[in-house]
């Protein structure tokens, strides 16, 4: 199956899920706010997929995360009835087993944000910036962490802007003053685990893995930059 066909199939499935979960959400205002970034992301993906096709693995990872996000948007992240679902169909309470007093669906999705999206970020970085060796794992990890932090800032700004019940529902802190920090930590952990898995796979399959890793850490330019680089550029400009 071609990458474009795979992308279109996943897009259709996601669109169907989106329409179903758009029917009578728990909080229509929160649902709309949760889907602002989804709309932006969908537009970007649609406009760029002819120029930048992801691997089927990356499309699958993105698809899983987007589907989980729509579940959170439908119920609001603090109200997703995962424990009621487990009790109804499996006669099992995860909250009771783990001694949880809060709804942890948001924590789960933040971890999966890092775990599922770190590889697509790596694919972007390696194919555009041509990152190799250590940097091909380190910078995608940092980018995932930075994106998680940016989203938390977006949440904070939206909560400040709208305030009231909508702000509380969108933040989903459930009374935890360290909610944002814990969310970022889980996203970072997820991305770290994902990169460890990618490293392990490449270590087993890539013959020149150690050499590439070593070369990536080698100093490529001996001369300092900063004021020395400014002087060099000024000299070149004077010669023109």
C-alpha atoms as a PDB file:
ATOM      1  CA  UNK A   1       0.000   0.000   0.000  1.00  0.00           C
ATOM      2  CA  UNK A   2       1.361   3.418  -0.945  1.00  0.00           C
ATOM      3  CA  UNK A   3       2.057   6.022   1.702  1.00  0.00           C
ATOM      4  CA  UNK A   4      -0.541   8.390   0.249  1.00  0.00           C
ATOM      5  CA  UNK A   5      -3.253   5.724   0.246  1.00  0.00           C
ATOM      6  CA  UNK A   6      -2.366   4.765   3.821  1.00  0.00           C
ATOM      7  CA  UNK A   7      -2.558   8.410   4.856  1.00  0.00           C
ATOM      8  CA  UNK A   8      -5.964   8.839   3.213  1.00  0.00           C
ATOM      9  CA  UNK A   9      -7.379   5.682   4.855  1.00  0.00           C
ATOM     10  CA  UNK A  10      -6.261   6.810   8.317  1.00  0.00           C
ATOM     11  CA  UNK A  11      -7.588  10.303   7.609  1.00  0.00           C
ATOM     12  CA  UNK A  12     -11.020   8.900   6.715  1.00  0.00           C
ATOM     13  CA  UNK A  13     -11.133   6.737   9.852  1.00  0.00           C
ATOM     14  CA  UNK A  14     -10.126   9.714  11.991  1.00  0.00           C
ATOM     15  CA  UNK A  15     -12.744  11.910  10.320  1.00  0.00           C
ATOM     16  CA  UNK A  16     -15.453   9.344  11.108  1.00  0.00           C
ATOM     17  CA  UNK A  17     -14.313   9.187  14.752  1.00  0.00           C
ATOM     18  CA  UNK A  18     -14.244  12.977  14.861  1.00  0.00           C
ATOM     19  CA  UNK A  19     -17.840  13.233  13.617  1.00  0.00           C
ATOM     20  CA  UNK A  20     -19.093  10.593  16.055  1.00  0.00           C
ATOM     21  CA  UNK A  21     -17.384  12.198  19.053  1.00  0.00           C
ATOM     22  CA  UNK A  22     -18.524  15.654  17.951  1.00  0.00           C
ATOM     23  CA  UNK A  23     -22.097  14.579  18.751  1.00  0.00           C
ATOM     24  CA  UNK A  24     -23.187  15.791  22.199  1.00  0.00           C
ATOM     25  CA  UNK A  25     -19.785  16.211  23.868  1.00  0.00           C
ATOM     26  CA  UNK A  26     -19.680  16.630  27.643  1.00  0.00           C
ATOM     27  CA  UNK A  27     -18.827  20.324  27.285  1.00  0.00           C
ATOM     28  CA  UNK A  28     -19.275  21.849  23.820  1.00  0.00           C
ATOM     29  CA  UNK A  29     -17.106  24.891  24.571  1.00  0.00           C
ATOM     30  CA  UNK A  30     -14.254  22.772  25.899  1.00  0.00           C
ATOM     31  CA  UNK A  31     -14.605  20.417  22.913  1.00  0.00           C
ATOM     32  CA  UNK A  32     -14.276  23.353  20.527  1.00  0.00           C
ATOM     33  CA  UNK A  33     -11.243  24.713  22.371  1.00  0.00           C
ATOM     34  CA  UNK A  34      -9.592  21.289  22.455  1.00  0.00           C
ATOM     35  CA  UNK A  35      -9.979  21.029  18.679  1.00  0.00           C
ATOM     36  CA  UNK A  36      -8.468  24.387  17.730  1.00  0.00           C
ATOM     37  CA  UNK A  37      -4.959  22.923  17.496  1.00  0.00           C
ATOM     38  CA  UNK A  38      -6.370  19.771  15.876  1.00  0.00           C
ATOM     39  CA  UNK A  39      -7.840  21.891  13.106  1.00  0.00           C
ATOM     40  CA  UNK A  40      -4.520  23.693  12.601  1.00  0.00           C
ATOM     41  CA  UNK A  41      -2.654  20.374  12.559  1.00  0.00           C
ATOM     42  CA  UNK A  42      -5.064  18.790  10.050  1.00  0.00           C
ATOM     43  CA  UNK A  43      -4.731  21.789   7.714  1.00  0.00           C
ATOM     44  CA  UNK A  44      -0.915  21.630   7.891  1.00  0.00           C
ATOM     45  CA  UNK A  45      -0.910  17.882   7.226  1.00  0.00           C
ATOM     46  CA  UNK A  46      -3.278  18.286   4.274  1.00  0.00           C
ATOM     47  CA  UNK A  47      -1.252  21.111   2.729  1.00  0.00           C
ATOM     48  CA  UNK A  48       2.133  19.394   3.099  1.00  0.00           C
ATOM     49  CA  UNK A  49       1.500  15.700   2.520  1.00  0.00           C
ATOM     50  CA  UNK A  50       2.323  15.972  -1.187  1.00  0.00           C
ATOM     51  CA  UNK A  51       5.738  17.443  -0.352  1.00  0.00           C
ATOM     52  CA  UNK A  52       6.518  15.519   2.825  1.00  0.00           C
ATOM     53  CA  UNK A  53       5.127  12.015   3.145  1.00  0.00           C
ATOM     54  CA  UNK A  54       5.727  10.403   6.510  1.00  0.00           C
ATOM     55  CA  UNK A  55       6.470   6.723   6.909  1.00  0.00           C
ATOM     56  CA  UNK A  56       3.494   4.468   7.603  1.00  0.00           C
ATOM     57  CA  UNK A  57       4.873   3.999  11.117  1.00  0.00           C
ATOM     58  CA  UNK A  58       4.771   7.752  11.757  1.00  0.00           C
ATOM     59  CA  UNK A  59       1.280   8.079  10.283  1.00  0.00           C
ATOM     60  CA  UNK A  60       0.101   5.243  12.545  1.00  0.00           C
ATOM     61  CA  UNK A  61       1.611   6.841  15.655  1.00  0.00           C
ATOM     62  CA  UNK A  62       0.093  10.226  14.853  1.00  0.00           C
ATOM     63  CA  UNK A  63      -3.280   8.598  14.139  1.00  0.00           C
ATOM     64  CA  UNK A  64      -3.350   6.789  17.508  1.00  0.00           C
ATOM     65  CA  UNK A  65      -2.554   9.978  19.396  1.00  0.00           C
ATOM     66  CA  UNK A  66      -5.169  12.011  17.515  1.00  0.00           C
ATOM     67  CA  UNK A  67      -7.840   9.385  18.201  1.00  0.00           C
ATOM     68  CA  UNK A  68      -7.041   9.409  21.920  1.00  0.00           C
ATOM     69  CA  UNK A  69      -7.126  13.191  21.955  1.00  0.00           C
ATOM     70  CA  UNK A  70     -10.618  13.201  20.439  1.00  0.00           C
ATOM     71  CA  UNK A  71     -11.813  10.912  23.233  1.00  0.00           C
ATOM     72  CA  UNK A  72     -10.411  13.388  25.753  1.00  0.00           C
ATOM     73  CA  UNK A  73     -12.036  16.279  23.905  1.00  0.00           C
ATOM     74  CA  UNK A  74     -15.430  14.542  23.865  1.00  0.00           C
ATOM     75  CA  UNK A  75     -15.584  13.822  27.599  1.00  0.00           C
ATOM     76  CA  UNK A  76     -13.082  16.506  28.730  1.00  0.00           C
ATOM     77  CA  UNK A  77      -9.838  14.991  29.897  1.00  0.00           C
ATOM     78  CA  UNK A  78     -10.829  15.042  33.564  1.00  0.00           C
ATOM     79  CA  UNK A  79     -14.066  13.113  32.910  1.00  0.00           C
ATOM     80  CA  UNK A  80     -13.091  10.294  30.521  1.00  0.00           C
ATOM     81  CA  UNK A  81     -14.877   7.216  32.009  1.00  0.00           C
ATOM     82  CA  UNK A  82     -12.067   4.709  31.479  1.00  0.00           C
ATOM     83  CA  UNK A  83     -12.588   3.156  34.913  1.00  0.00           C
ATOM     84  CA  UNK A  84     -16.332   2.790  34.373  1.00  0.00           C
ATOM     85  CA  UNK A  85     -15.581   1.131  31.025  1.00  0.00           C
ATOM     86  CA  UNK A  86     -13.210  -1.361  32.676  1.00  0.00           C
ATOM     87  CA  UNK A  87     -15.710  -2.100  35.420  1.00  0.00           C
ATOM     88  CA  UNK A  88     -18.554  -2.637  32.927  1.00  0.00           C
ATOM     89  CA  UNK A  89     -16.749  -4.894  30.466  1.00  0.00           C
ATOM     90  CA  UNK A  90     -13.945  -6.455  32.510  1.00  0.00           C
ATOM     91  CA  UNK A  91     -15.181  -6.171  36.110  1.00  0.00           C
ATOM     92  CA  UNK A  92     -11.882  -4.496  36.945  1.00  0.00           C
ATOM     93  CA  UNK A  93     -11.096  -1.101  38.481  1.00  0.00           C
ATOM     94  CA  UNK A  94      -7.743   0.349  37.519  1.00  0.00           C
ATOM     95  CA  UNK A  95      -8.186   3.281  39.917  1.00  0.00           C
ATOM     96  CA  UNK A  96      -8.864   0.936  42.817  1.00  0.00           C
ATOM     97  CA  UNK A  97      -5.914  -1.282  41.977  1.00  0.00           C
ATOM     98  CA  UNK A  98      -3.547   1.713  41.671  1.00  0.00           C
ATOM     99  CA  UNK A  99      -5.121   3.594  44.610  1.00  0.00           C
ATOM    100  CA  UNK A 100      -5.802   6.581  42.361  1.00  0.00           C
ATOM    101  CA  UNK A 101      -8.152   9.303  43.566  1.00  0.00           C
ATOM    102  CA  UNK A 102      -8.148  11.323  40.334  1.00  0.00           C
ATOM    103  CA  UNK A 103      -8.866  10.644  36.679  1.00  0.00           C
ATOM    104  CA  UNK A 104      -5.505   9.823  35.071  1.00  0.00           C
ATOM    105  CA  UNK A 105      -6.530   9.796  31.411  1.00  0.00           C
ATOM    106  CA  UNK A 106      -4.781  13.135  30.897  1.00  0.00           C
ATOM    107  CA  UNK A 107      -1.577  11.774  32.414  1.00  0.00           C
ATOM    108  CA  UNK A 108      -1.781   8.723  30.148  1.00  0.00           C
ATOM    109  CA  UNK A 109      -2.238  10.829  27.013  1.00  0.00           C
ATOM    110  CA  UNK A 110       0.597  13.188  27.956  1.00  0.00           C
ATOM    111  CA  UNK A 111       2.919  10.203  28.276  1.00  0.00           C
ATOM    112  CA  UNK A 112       1.704   8.893  24.916  1.00  0.00           C
ATOM    113  CA  UNK A 113       2.181  12.347  23.394  1.00  0.00           C
ATOM    114  CA  UNK A 114       5.905  11.933  23.949  1.00  0.00           C
ATOM    115  CA  UNK A 115       5.972   8.203  23.238  1.00  0.00           C
ATOM    116  CA  UNK A 116       3.966   8.366  20.000  1.00  0.00           C
ATOM    117  CA  UNK A 117       5.102  11.658  18.492  1.00  0.00           C
ATOM    118  CA  UNK A 118       8.829  11.609  19.236  1.00  0.00           C
ATOM    119  CA  UNK A 119       9.450   9.318  16.252  1.00  0.00           C
ATOM    120  CA  UNK A 120       7.529  11.487  13.738  1.00  0.00           C
ATOM    121  CA  UNK A 121       9.494  14.472  15.080  1.00  0.00           C
ATOM    122  CA  UNK A 122      12.673  12.467  14.554  1.00  0.00           C
ATOM    123  CA  UNK A 123      11.636  11.679  10.994  1.00  0.00           C
ATOM    124  CA  UNK A 124      11.133  15.381  10.279  1.00  0.00           C
ATOM    125  CA  UNK A 125      14.474  16.289  11.837  1.00  0.00           C
ATOM    126  CA  UNK A 126      16.494  13.562  10.125  1.00  0.00           C
ATOM    127  CA  UNK A 127      14.979  14.144   6.697  1.00  0.00           C
ATOM    128  CA  UNK A 128      15.089  17.950   6.711  1.00  0.00           C
ATOM    129  CA  UNK A 129      18.018  18.845   8.998  1.00  0.00           C
ATOM    130  CA  UNK A 130      19.781  15.585   8.102  1.00  0.00           C
ATOM    131  CA  UNK A 131      20.610  14.901  11.732  1.00  0.00           C
ATOM    132  CA  UNK A 132      22.796  11.883  12.347  1.00  0.00           C
ATOM    133  CA  UNK A 133      24.191   9.926  15.248  1.00  0.00           C
ATOM    134  CA  UNK A 134      23.608  11.260  18.740  1.00  0.00           C
ATOM    135  CA  UNK A 135      21.872  14.411  17.480  1.00  0.00           C
ATOM    136  CA  UNK A 136      19.337  12.374  15.509  1.00  0.00           C
ATOM    137  CA  UNK A 137      17.942  11.157  18.836  1.00  0.00           C
ATOM    138  CA  UNK A 138      18.747  14.034  21.174  1.00  0.00           C
ATOM    139  CA  UNK A 139      17.154  16.881  19.201  1.00  0.00           C
ATOM    140  CA  UNK A 140      13.874  15.033  18.498  1.00  0.00           C
ATOM    141  CA  UNK A 141      13.712  14.379  22.246  1.00  0.00           C
ATOM    142  CA  UNK A 142      14.300  18.066  22.995  1.00  0.00           C
ATOM    143  CA  UNK A 143      11.769  19.113  20.358  1.00  0.00           C
ATOM    144  CA  UNK A 144       9.114  16.859  21.887  1.00  0.00           C
ATOM    145  CA  UNK A 145       9.815  18.301  25.344  1.00  0.00           C
ATOM    146  CA  UNK A 146       9.697  21.856  23.971  1.00  0.00           C
ATOM    147  CA  UNK A 147       6.422  21.150  22.157  1.00  0.00           C
ATOM    148  CA  UNK A 148       4.932  19.768  25.373  1.00  0.00           C
ATOM    149  CA  UNK A 149       6.001  22.887  27.253  1.00  0.00           C
ATOM    150  CA  UNK A 150       4.558  25.111  24.513  1.00  0.00           C
ATOM    151  CA  UNK A 151       1.225  23.305  24.756  1.00  0.00           C
ATOM    152  CA  UNK A 152       1.146  23.848  28.524  1.00  0.00           C
ATOM    153  CA  UNK A 153       1.722  27.565  27.912  1.00  0.00           C
ATOM    154  CA  UNK A 154      -1.103  27.512  25.372  1.00  0.00           C
ATOM    155  CA  UNK A 155      -3.372  25.859  27.942  1.00  0.00           C
ATOM    156  CA  UNK A 156      -2.452  28.479  30.542  1.00  0.00           C
ATOM    157  CA  UNK A 157      -3.085  31.363  28.104  1.00  0.00           C
ATOM    158  CA  UNK A 158      -6.441  29.885  27.040  1.00  0.00           C
ATOM    159  CA  UNK A 159      -7.493  29.363  30.664  1.00  0.00           C
ATOM    160  CA  UNK A 160      -6.536  32.955  31.496  1.00  0.00           C
ATOM    161  CA  UNK A 161      -8.393  34.252  28.447  1.00  0.00           C
ATOM    162  CA  UNK A 162     -11.645  32.326  28.904  1.00  0.00           C
ATOM    163  CA  UNK A 163     -11.551  31.748  32.668  1.00  0.00           C
ATOM    164  CA  UNK A 164     -14.494  30.307  34.594  1.00  0.00           C
ATOM    165  CA  UNK A 165     -15.678  26.732  34.117  1.00  0.00           C
ATOM    166  CA  UNK A 166     -14.289  26.570  30.579  1.00  0.00           C
ATOM    167  CA  UNK A 167     -10.799  27.466  31.762  1.00  0.00           C
ATOM    168  CA  UNK A 168     -10.985  24.882  34.541  1.00  0.00           C
ATOM    169  CA  UNK A 169     -12.291  22.186  32.177  1.00  0.00           C
ATOM    170  CA  UNK A 170      -9.610  22.939  29.585  1.00  0.00           C
ATOM    171  CA  UNK A 171      -6.740  22.889  32.079  1.00  0.00           C
ATOM    172  CA  UNK A 172      -8.017  19.713  33.737  1.00  0.00           C
ATOM    173  CA  UNK A 173      -5.722  20.124  36.733  1.00  0.00           C
ATOM    174  CA  UNK A 174      -8.220  18.423  39.057  1.00  0.00           C
ATOM    175  CA  UNK A 175      -6.845  20.424  41.974  1.00  0.00           C
ATOM    176  CA  UNK A 176      -3.190  19.483  41.397  1.00  0.00           C
ATOM    177  CA  UNK A 177      -0.994  22.607  41.504  1.00  0.00           C
ATOM    178  CA  UNK A 178       1.838  20.652  39.857  1.00  0.00           C
ATOM    179  CA  UNK A 179      -0.328  19.355  37.013  1.00  0.00           C
ATOM    180  CA  UNK A 180       1.559  21.159  34.226  1.00  0.00           C
ATOM    181  CA  UNK A 181       4.949  20.012  35.522  1.00  0.00           C
ATOM    182  CA  UNK A 182       3.777  16.400  35.815  1.00  0.00           C
ATOM    183  CA  UNK A 183       2.292  16.504  32.309  1.00  0.00           C
ATOM    184  CA  UNK A 184       5.565  17.774  30.855  1.00  0.00           C
ATOM    185  CA  UNK A 185       7.546  15.199  32.825  1.00  0.00           C
ATOM    186  CA  UNK A 186       5.383  12.362  31.491  1.00  0.00           C
ATOM    187  CA  UNK A 187       5.643  13.618  27.914  1.00  0.00           C
ATOM    188  CA  UNK A 188       9.421  13.827  28.338  1.00  0.00           C
ATOM    189  CA  UNK A 189       9.535  10.310  29.748  1.00  0.00           C
ATOM    190  CA  UNK A 190       7.444   9.002  26.869  1.00  0.00           C
ATOM    191  CA  UNK A 191       9.737  10.622  24.306  1.00  0.00           C
ATOM    192  CA  UNK A 192      12.819   9.307  26.121  1.00  0.00           C
ATOM    193  CA  UNK A 193      11.459   5.751  26.089  1.00  0.00           C
ATOM    194  CA  UNK A 194      10.582   6.083  22.392  1.00  0.00           C
ATOM    195  CA  UNK A 195      14.099   7.233  21.511  1.00  0.00           C
ATOM    196  CA  UNK A 196      15.619   4.391  23.540  1.00  0.00           C
ATOM    197  CA  UNK A 197      13.540   1.937  21.505  1.00  0.00           C
ATOM    198  CA  UNK A 198      14.652   3.555  18.230  1.00  0.00           C
ATOM    199  CA  UNK A 199      18.282   3.450  19.392  1.00  0.00           C
ATOM    200  CA  UNK A 200      17.959  -0.244  20.282  1.00  0.00           C
ATOM    201  CA  UNK A 201      16.449  -1.063  16.865  1.00  0.00           C
ATOM    202  CA  UNK A 202      19.073   0.909  14.952  1.00  0.00           C
ATOM    203  CA  UNK A 203      21.856  -0.532  17.085  1.00  0.00           C
ATOM    204  CA  UNK A 204      20.816  -3.996  15.972  1.00  0.00           C
ATOM    205  CA  UNK A 205      20.198  -3.179  12.297  1.00  0.00           C
ATOM    206  CA  UNK A 206      22.591  -0.348  11.381  1.00  0.00           C
ATOM    207  CA  UNK A 207      26.096  -1.635  10.670  1.00  0.00           C
ATOM    208  CA  UNK A 208      27.819   1.736  11.033  1.00  0.00           C
ATOM    209  CA  UNK A 209      25.801   2.813  14.100  1.00  0.00           C
ATOM    210  CA  UNK A 210      28.821   3.215  16.408  1.00  0.00           C
ATOM    211  CA  UNK A 211      30.865   5.035  13.764  1.00  0.00           C
ATOM    212  CA  UNK A 212      28.029   7.431  12.913  1.00  0.00           C
ATOM    213  CA  UNK A 213      27.396   8.107  16.612  1.00  0.00           C
ATOM    214  CA  UNK A 214      31.101   8.793  17.193  1.00  0.00           C
ATOM    215  CA  UNK A 215      31.404  11.066  14.140  1.00  0.00           C
ATOM    216  CA  UNK A 216      28.377  13.065  15.220  1.00  0.00           C
ATOM    217  CA  UNK A 217      30.130  13.998  18.471  1.00  0.00           C
ATOM    218  CA  UNK A 218      33.407  14.948  16.811  1.00  0.00           C
ATOM    219  CA  UNK A 219      34.260  18.650  16.503  1.00  0.00           C
ATOM    220  CA  UNK A 220      33.801  19.589  12.825  1.00  0.00           C
ATOM    221  CA  UNK A 221      35.083  23.142  13.083  1.00  0.00           C
ATOM    222  CA  UNK A 222      38.177  23.876  15.110  1.00  0.00           C
ATOM    223  CA  UNK A 223      37.979  27.667  15.167  1.00  0.00           C
ATOM    224  CA  UNK A 224      35.772  29.509  17.712  1.00  0.00           C
ATOM    225  CA  UNK A 225      32.699  31.400  16.570  1.00  0.00           C
ATOM    226  CA  UNK A 226      31.135  34.373  18.401  1.00  0.00           C
ATOM    227  CA  UNK A 227      33.212  37.525  17.975  1.00  0.00           C
ATOM    228  CA  UNK A 228      35.708  35.627  15.784  1.00  0.00           C
ATOM    229  CA  UNK A 229      32.938  34.684  13.362  1.00  0.00           C
ATOM    230  CA  UNK A 230      31.637  38.255  13.327  1.00  0.00           C
ATOM    231  CA  UNK A 231      35.132  39.525  12.474  1.00  0.00           C
ATOM    232  CA  UNK A 232      35.436  36.983   9.669  1.00  0.00           C
ATOM    233  CA  UNK A 233      32.090  38.006   8.196  1.00  0.00           C
ATOM    234  CA  UNK A 234      32.990  41.711   8.423  1.00  0.00           C
ATOM    235  CA  UNK A 235      36.270  41.049   6.617  1.00  0.00           C
ATOM    236  CA  UNK A 236      34.458  39.180   3.866  1.00  0.00           C
ATOM    237  CA  UNK A 237      31.960  42.020   3.550  1.00  0.00           C
ATOM    238  CA  UNK A 238      34.784  44.602   3.251  1.00  0.00           C
ATOM    239  CA  UNK A 239      36.364  42.573   0.444  1.00  0.00           C
ATOM    240  CA  UNK A 240      33.184  42.621  -1.646  1.00  0.00           C
END
